[in-house]
Each structure stands twice: as structure tokens, then as C-alpha cells.
Amino acid sequence: MLEVRNLWKSYGHVIALRDVSFDIKDGDLIGLVGDNGAGKSTLAKILAGYLKPDRGTILLNGKAVTFNSPKEARLAGIETVYQDLALIPQLPVYRNVFLGREATKAGLLDKNSMRKLTSKLLKEFGIDINVDKYAEELSGGQRQMVAIVRALMFNAKLLILDEPTAALSVYESKSVLDFVKTLVEKRTREMAAIVISHNIHHVHSIANHIIVMDHGTIALDTEGGKMSPQELEDYIVETVRSRLNAK
């Protein structure tokens, strides 16, 4: 599906990505972890079209691609859900799902069509949310799910989730993570997902592949379940310690 080859990115004298390479296959649920400044956000922004790499190649279904904007990345099937979610509190769920890509009929908003399509997708994944409810009335977990559903509505092939559980309770975090795992399993031949998180336990609970980044490089690329959350945490700490001691 997606191949990343030898990506480099610098901000002035600061190297954010150093020769980063990895593959994503249909059905993959990748956990991307690492300390602050490891390069996770820079990598996500390049895949989402917000940044261009200095060097390196991104292959989508075997074909080299260059994204000059987030719109181009979305057209290629790459959708990103950031921490702020970009929902409008005063709009109902169905309007938020179609935000910026509203359905129209005879030049007018086709609210009935948007309601039906939103309800259908929510039902597909077992989400019990009234599509006429305003976003400001939803819980944090429900808002996160609505933002994810918005990405799915437009046939995302690769879904990038930036800290999806950062501001959620333990219960809501589990609900969102279970939802992400379910949607990838349901569409295992059609899509993949990357979950960026500081919480290794959350990533470990759902990922079939885990990538650890440190100082702009991939320090570890392993199958999910091969290492315990504690082993992953210890690995990250030791990697950072070794790098700092080598200076």
C-alpha cells in the first residue's frame, strides 16, 4: 500500500527526520511511539501533505507520489485526525461529518442525504450517536469517533490518528481504541491506520506493528505483541540514554 523510503527533513540546522524507511500494508494498524522531538509529528505531517521532505520517496501502491497540500493527500486516500479534531461545536454531527465536503442538491445543502449517509456509517461500526446532536453536546470520546467517521466517509485508505486518547478518560480511551481496531479489521483489505501516541500501553493494546522513533530515526520496527509495554518503555529510555551518553 504505502512505502516510505529514505525520508529526510530539516528545520534549519535541526534534523527532524534522518533516512526514515518503512512499509504499510492493507490491514496494518501501526503504533508510532517515541519521546518528544522524536520525529513522529514531522513524519505524520509529511504523509498528510502539510510538509514536503527534503529528500526521499513515498510510494503509494507502487507509484511515487508527491503531496503539495493536505488536499492532495486526502485525494490520494490519506486522512489525518489531529488532537483538535476540527469539529464545529454549534453544528450537528452529520454536518460535521461532511464539513467542507457538503452534499448538495439543486444548489442547496442536501441535509437528508447527509443524515442518512452519516447514520449508515455510524451503524456499520456500532456507534450509537444521534446525528442531529450538536458536537458541543458530545463527550470527548464521541467527538473523537465523529472525527474518525468523517475520514472514513470519504474512503480513507490510510488513517493517521494523532494522540487520539490524549484528553480522554480511561473508559473513553478504551472505547476509541476498540473502535479504531474494529474499523481496521472490518476494512482489512481496504485500509490501514497509524496511531501516534505517547501512551505505549494504548498502542500496545491494538497495534499489529509498532515503530519506535528517536531523534528523527526509526530505532525499532517490530511486530505488535513481541515486546511487552514495559519492555518497549525500557527500550525507549535506554535508546535515549545511550544517545545522550554518546555525545
Foldseek 3Di string as FASTA:
>chain_A
DKWWFQFWAADVPATQAGGATDDDAQLFAEEEEADPSLNPVVVLCQLQQNDPTPDTFMADPRHTDGRNHSVVSVVVQEEEQEPVLPADQAAFLLCRLCPPNFDDDPRHGPVVVSLVLLVVLCVVLVHDDRRRHGNNPDDLLVSLVSSVSSSVSSQHAEYEYEASCVPHDPVSLVVNLVSVLVVSVVRRNRHYYYYYHNDLQSCLVRGQWYFYGGSNYTPDTGGRPPDDSVRVVVVNVVVVVVVVVVD
